[in-house]
Amino acid sequence: MKKKIISVCLVVCLLATAIIGTTLAYFTDTAEVTNTFTVGNVDITLNEAPVDTDGQATTGDRVTTNEYHLYPGKSYDKDPTITVADGSEDCYLFVKVVNGLAGLEAEGNTTIAAQMADKGWTPVDGETNVYMQEGIYSANGSVTVFDTFTIDKAATATTLAGATNIVI
């Protein structure tokens, strides 16, 4: 009888070991996924045509700084242009434009804001003075932010003296 009890106990132990081992194997199955991330290369330039002190475009290499002598009713050339360099990845373009002359500009479709809208620049929600260009740009693609600005005829020497820069 003792043999039977020992045999039954051994069978129960073997059965329990098989059930527990199978259950553990079922719940401990693993699988792996490997992801590789690379960083894109985006290289852009921002520059504009050189101008004389009266704000009229001149010949020469594009520049990153111009100086303007402001007069009421006068229009000035200013064509900040973003270019995606050769070898760059496709990218979205964003620009921050702080227009310190906004209160002095002549009204109408020549304001910097109106020109930017016409060129596909839209304000970025939740940001101040930040705009996004519609579409994706590839290497050697370029886009102009705006082309000119015009000072209102009613501007005075006092208001012009308080004018600040257009920062892009």
C-alpha atoms as a PDB file:
ATOM      1  CA  MET A   1       0.000   0.000   0.000  1.00  0.00           C
ATOM      2  CA  LYS A   2       2.872   2.282   0.749  1.00  0.00           C
ATOM      3  CA  LYS A   3       4.148   1.670  -2.755  1.00  0.00           C
ATOM      4  CA  LYS A   4       0.839   2.726  -4.217  1.00  0.00           C
ATOM      5  CA  ILE A   5       0.763   5.915  -2.187  1.00  0.00           C
ATOM      6  CA  ILE A   6       4.346   6.743  -3.168  1.00  0.00           C
ATOM      7  CA  SER A   7       3.571   5.966  -6.823  1.00  0.00           C
ATOM      8  CA  VAL A   8       0.436   8.133  -6.774  1.00  0.00           C
ATOM      9  CA  CYS A   9       2.394  10.961  -5.102  1.00  0.00           C
ATOM     10  CA  LEU A  10       5.124  10.694  -7.745  1.00  0.00           C
ATOM     11  CA  VAL A  11       2.567  10.746 -10.541  1.00  0.00           C
ATOM     12  CA  VAL A  12       0.829  13.781  -8.985  1.00  0.00           C
ATOM     13  CA  CYS A  13       4.220  15.558  -8.595  1.00  0.00           C
ATOM     14  CA  LEU A  14       5.177  14.802 -12.206  1.00  0.00           C
ATOM     15  CA  LEU A  15       1.776  15.940 -13.419  1.00  0.00           C
ATOM     16  CA  ALA A  16       1.986  19.161 -11.346  1.00  0.00           C
ATOM     17  CA  THR A  17       5.513  19.820 -12.640  1.00  0.00           C
ATOM     18  CA  ALA A  18       4.388  19.344 -16.248  1.00  0.00           C
ATOM     19  CA  ILE A  19       1.360  21.645 -15.785  1.00  0.00           C
ATOM     20  CA  ILE A  20       3.360  24.355 -13.983  1.00  0.00           C
ATOM     21  CA  GLY A  21       6.235  24.141 -16.487  1.00  0.00           C
ATOM     22  CA  THR A  22       3.863  24.418 -19.451  1.00  0.00           C
ATOM     23  CA  THR A  23       2.033  27.333 -17.846  1.00  0.00           C
ATOM     24  CA  LEU A  24       5.290  29.173 -17.109  1.00  0.00           C
ATOM     25  CA  ALA A  25       6.530  28.573 -20.638  1.00  0.00           C
ATOM     26  CA  TYR A  26       3.256  29.916 -22.000  1.00  0.00           C
ATOM     27  CA  PHE A  27       3.420  33.085 -19.900  1.00  0.00           C
ATOM     28  CA  THR A  28       7.134  33.771 -20.378  1.00  0.00           C
ATOM     29  CA  ASP A  29       7.238  33.737 -24.163  1.00  0.00           C
ATOM     30  CA  THR A  30       9.253  36.676 -25.526  1.00  0.00           C
ATOM     31  CA  ALA A  31       9.641  38.442 -28.837  1.00  0.00           C
ATOM     32  CA  GLU A  32      11.846  41.352 -29.876  1.00  0.00           C
ATOM     33  CA  VAL A  33      11.569  44.234 -32.312  1.00  0.00           C
ATOM     34  CA  THR A  34      14.594  46.386 -33.092  1.00  0.00           C
ATOM     35  CA  ASN A  35      14.165  49.951 -34.348  1.00  0.00           C
ATOM     36  CA  THR A  36      16.932  52.061 -35.791  1.00  0.00           C
ATOM     37  CA  PHE A  37      16.560  55.836 -35.827  1.00  0.00           C
ATOM     38  CA  THR A  38      18.694  58.210 -37.837  1.00  0.00           C
ATOM     39  CA  VAL A  39      18.866  61.966 -37.588  1.00  0.00           C
ATOM     40  CA  GLY A  40      18.172  63.867 -40.786  1.00  0.00           C
ATOM     41  CA  ASN A  41      20.422  66.562 -42.120  1.00  0.00           C
ATOM     42  CA  VAL A  42      18.682  69.886 -42.703  1.00  0.00           C
ATOM     43  CA  ASP A  43      20.824  72.842 -43.690  1.00  0.00           C
ATOM     44  CA  ILE A  44      19.180  76.166 -44.522  1.00  0.00           C
ATOM     45  CA  THR A  45      20.336  79.716 -45.175  1.00  0.00           C
ATOM     46  CA  LEU A  46      18.473  82.974 -44.633  1.00  0.00           C
ATOM     47  CA  ASN A  47      19.625  86.042 -46.549  1.00  0.00           C
ATOM     48  CA  GLU A  48      18.372  88.927 -48.672  1.00  0.00           C
ATOM     49  CA  ALA A  49      19.429  91.126 -51.553  1.00  0.00           C
ATOM     50  CA  PRO A  50      21.753  93.981 -50.637  1.00  0.00           C
ATOM     51  CA  VAL A  51      20.154  97.445 -50.635  1.00  0.00           C
ATOM     52  CA  ASP A  52      21.439 100.996 -50.579  1.00  0.00           C
ATOM     53  CA  THR A  53      20.527 103.280 -47.641  1.00  0.00           C
ATOM     54  CA  ASP A  54      17.386 104.336 -49.506  1.00  0.00           C
ATOM     55  CA  GLY A  55      16.241 100.699 -49.432  1.00  0.00           C
ATOM     56  CA  GLN A  56      16.575  99.993 -53.150  1.00  0.00           C
ATOM     57  CA  ALA A  57      18.063  96.651 -54.201  1.00  0.00           C
ATOM     58  CA  THR A  58      21.614  96.778 -55.526  1.00  0.00           C
ATOM     59  CA  THR A  59      23.803  94.195 -57.195  1.00  0.00           C
ATOM     60  CA  GLY A  60      26.095  91.925 -55.245  1.00  0.00           C
ATOM     61  CA  ASP A  61      26.081  88.830 -53.091  1.00  0.00           C
ATOM     62  CA  ARG A  62      23.115  88.244 -50.828  1.00  0.00           C
ATOM     63  CA  VAL A  63      23.591  89.532 -47.276  1.00  0.00           C
ATOM     64  CA  THR A  64      22.330  88.940 -43.743  1.00  0.00           C
ATOM     65  CA  THR A  65      22.209  92.632 -42.725  1.00  0.00           C
ATOM     66  CA  ASN A  66      20.881  95.778 -44.408  1.00  0.00           C
ATOM     67  CA  GLU A  67      20.393  99.350 -43.165  1.00  0.00           C
ATOM     68  CA  TYR A  68      17.440 101.539 -44.164  1.00  0.00           C
ATOM     69  CA  HIS A  69      16.896 105.309 -43.999  1.00  0.00           C
ATOM     70  CA  LEU A  70      13.134 105.582 -43.325  1.00  0.00           C
ATOM     71  CA  TYR A  71      10.863 108.232 -44.932  1.00  0.00           C
ATOM     72  CA  PRO A  72       7.059 108.611 -44.837  1.00  0.00           C
ATOM     73  CA  GLY A  73       5.339 107.150 -47.900  1.00  0.00           C
ATOM     74  CA  LYS A  74       8.442 105.364 -49.192  1.00  0.00           C
ATOM     75  CA  SER A  75       8.643 101.698 -50.265  1.00  0.00           C
ATOM     76  CA  TYR A  76      11.728  99.623 -49.519  1.00  0.00           C
ATOM     77  CA  ASP A  77      13.057  96.402 -51.044  1.00  0.00           C
ATOM     78  CA  LYS A  78      13.450  93.602 -48.525  1.00  0.00           C
ATOM     79  CA  ASP A  79      13.295  89.985 -49.656  1.00  0.00           C
ATOM     80  CA  PRO A  80      14.372  87.652 -46.840  1.00  0.00           C
ATOM     81  CA  THR A  81      14.709  84.258 -48.518  1.00  0.00           C
ATOM     82  CA  ILE A  82      15.159  80.819 -46.963  1.00  0.00           C
ATOM     83  CA  THR A  83      17.063  78.279 -49.073  1.00  0.00           C
ATOM     84  CA  VAL A  84      17.332  74.561 -48.298  1.00  0.00           C
ATOM     85  CA  ALA A  85      20.943  73.600 -49.064  1.00  0.00           C
ATOM     86  CA  ASP A  86      22.087  70.892 -51.440  1.00  0.00           C
ATOM     87  CA  GLY A  87      22.129  67.491 -49.703  1.00  0.00           C
ATOM     88  CA  SER A  88      19.490  68.420 -47.110  1.00  0.00           C
ATOM     89  CA  GLU A  89      16.574  66.187 -46.189  1.00  0.00           C
ATOM     90  CA  ASP A  90      13.044  67.218 -47.090  1.00  0.00           C
ATOM     91  CA  CYS A  91      11.774  69.579 -44.407  1.00  0.00           C
ATOM     92  CA  TYR A  92       9.089  71.960 -43.227  1.00  0.00           C
ATOM     93  CA  LEU A  93      10.034  75.628 -42.989  1.00  0.00           C
ATOM     94  CA  PHE A  94       9.251  77.849 -40.030  1.00  0.00           C
ATOM     95  CA  VAL A  95      10.209  81.474 -39.549  1.00  0.00           C
ATOM     96  CA  LYS A  96       9.887  83.937 -36.678  1.00  0.00           C
ATOM     97  CA  VAL A  97       9.215  87.481 -37.877  1.00  0.00           C
ATOM     98  CA  VAL A  98       9.156  90.274 -35.317  1.00  0.00           C
ATOM     99  CA  ASN A  99       7.962  93.303 -37.265  1.00  0.00           C
ATOM    100  CA  GLY A 100       8.971  96.377 -35.302  1.00  0.00           C
ATOM    101  CA  LEU A 101       7.573  98.564 -38.108  1.00  0.00           C
ATOM    102  CA  ALA A 102       4.050  97.092 -38.071  1.00  0.00           C
ATOM    103  CA  GLY A 103       2.501 100.268 -36.668  1.00  0.00           C
ATOM    104  CA  LEU A 104       4.236 102.406 -39.298  1.00  0.00           C
ATOM    105  CA  GLU A 105       3.394 100.392 -42.410  1.00  0.00           C
ATOM    106  CA  ALA A 106       1.035 101.672 -45.071  1.00  0.00           C
ATOM    107  CA  GLU A 107      -2.203  99.708 -44.993  1.00  0.00           C
ATOM    108  CA  GLY A 108      -3.324  97.329 -47.709  1.00  0.00           C
ATOM    109  CA  ASN A 109      -1.875  94.345 -49.471  1.00  0.00           C
ATOM    110  CA  THR A 110       1.693  95.641 -49.156  1.00  0.00           C
ATOM    111  CA  THR A 111       2.012  95.089 -45.409  1.00  0.00           C
ATOM    112  CA  ILE A 112       4.496  92.452 -44.399  1.00  0.00           C
ATOM    113  CA  ALA A 113       1.697  90.341 -42.862  1.00  0.00           C
ATOM    114  CA  ALA A 114      -0.376  90.496 -46.079  1.00  0.00           C
ATOM    115  CA  GLN A 115       2.613  89.560 -48.250  1.00  0.00           C
ATOM    116  CA  MET A 116       3.448  86.626 -45.985  1.00  0.00           C
ATOM    117  CA  ALA A 117      -0.124  85.344 -46.210  1.00  0.00           C
ATOM    118  CA  ASP A 118      -0.013  85.664 -50.014  1.00  0.00           C
ATOM    119  CA  LYS A 119       3.219  83.631 -50.054  1.00  0.00           C
ATOM    120  CA  GLY A 120       1.682  80.765 -48.040  1.00  0.00           C
ATOM    121  CA  TRP A 121       3.016  81.605 -44.576  1.00  0.00           C
ATOM    122  CA  THR A 122       0.485  80.814 -41.831  1.00  0.00           C
ATOM    123  CA  PRO A 123       0.743  81.644 -38.119  1.00  0.00           C
ATOM    124  CA  VAL A 124       1.575  78.693 -35.857  1.00  0.00           C
ATOM    125  CA  ASP A 125      -1.137  78.174 -33.222  1.00  0.00           C
ATOM    126  CA  GLY A 126       0.023  78.943 -29.699  1.00  0.00           C
ATOM    127  CA  GLU A 127       3.166  80.791 -30.858  1.00  0.00           C
ATOM    128  CA  THR A 128       3.854  84.510 -31.200  1.00  0.00           C
ATOM    129  CA  ASN A 129       5.331  85.768 -34.496  1.00  0.00           C
ATOM    130  CA  VAL A 130       6.083  82.205 -35.708  1.00  0.00           C
ATOM    131  CA  TYR A 131       4.891  81.155 -39.165  1.00  0.00           C
ATOM    132  CA  MET A 132       4.939  77.902 -41.126  1.00  0.00           C
ATOM    133  CA  GLN A 133       5.295  77.642 -44.890  1.00  0.00           C
ATOM    134  CA  GLU A 134       2.777  75.440 -46.664  1.00  0.00           C
ATOM    135  CA  GLY A 135       4.296  72.280 -48.124  1.00  0.00           C
ATOM    136  CA  ILE A 136       7.522  70.349 -47.796  1.00  0.00           C
ATOM    137  CA  TYR A 137      10.777  71.724 -49.162  1.00  0.00           C
ATOM    138  CA  SER A 138      13.565  69.680 -50.730  1.00  0.00           C
ATOM    139  CA  ALA A 139      17.245  70.389 -51.291  1.00  0.00           C
ATOM    140  CA  ASN A 140      17.863  73.497 -53.399  1.00  0.00           C
ATOM    141  CA  GLY A 141      14.307  74.729 -52.757  1.00  0.00           C
ATOM    142  CA  SER A 142      13.820  78.287 -51.609  1.00  0.00           C
ATOM    143  CA  VAL A 143      11.009  80.574 -50.547  1.00  0.00           C
ATOM    144  CA  THR A 144      10.837  84.310 -49.973  1.00  0.00           C
ATOM    145  CA  VAL A 145       9.213  85.458 -46.738  1.00  0.00           C
ATOM    146  CA  PHE A 146       8.047  88.829 -48.166  1.00  0.00           C
ATOM    147  CA  ASP A 147       9.308  91.301 -50.801  1.00  0.00           C
ATOM    148  CA  THR A 148       8.933  94.894 -49.599  1.00  0.00           C
ATOM    149  CA  PHE A 149       7.654  97.162 -46.893  1.00  0.00           C
ATOM    150  CA  THR A 150       6.116 100.623 -47.220  1.00  0.00           C
ATOM    151  CA  ILE A 151       6.071 103.324 -44.563  1.00  0.00           C
ATOM    152  CA  ASP A 152       2.715 105.073 -44.114  1.00  0.00           C
ATOM    153  CA  LYS A 153       2.528 108.649 -45.488  1.00  0.00           C
ATOM    154  CA  ALA A 154       1.200 109.838 -42.107  1.00  0.00           C
ATOM    155  CA  ALA A 155       4.317 108.690 -40.242  1.00  0.00           C
ATOM    156  CA  THR A 156       6.092 111.501 -38.430  1.00  0.00           C
ATOM    157  CA  ALA A 157       9.721 112.089 -37.538  1.00  0.00           C
ATOM    158  CA  THR A 158       8.871 111.160 -33.946  1.00  0.00           C
ATOM    159  CA  THR A 159       7.225 107.840 -34.844  1.00  0.00           C
ATOM    160  CA  LEU A 160       9.995 107.013 -37.311  1.00  0.00           C
ATOM    161  CA  ALA A 161      12.627 107.766 -34.676  1.00  0.00           C
ATOM    162  CA  GLY A 162      10.970 105.208 -32.396  1.00  0.00           C
ATOM    163  CA  ALA A 163      10.910 102.534 -35.107  1.00  0.00           C
ATOM    164  CA  THR A 164      12.591  99.245 -34.382  1.00  0.00           C
ATOM    165  CA  ASN A 165      14.045  96.520 -36.543  1.00  0.00           C
ATOM    166  CA  ILE A 166      12.353  93.828 -38.517  1.00  0.00           C
ATOM    167  CA  VAL A 167      13.887  90.687 -37.005  1.00  0.00           C
ATOM    168  CA  ILE A 168      13.701  87.439 -38.928  1.00  0.00           C
END
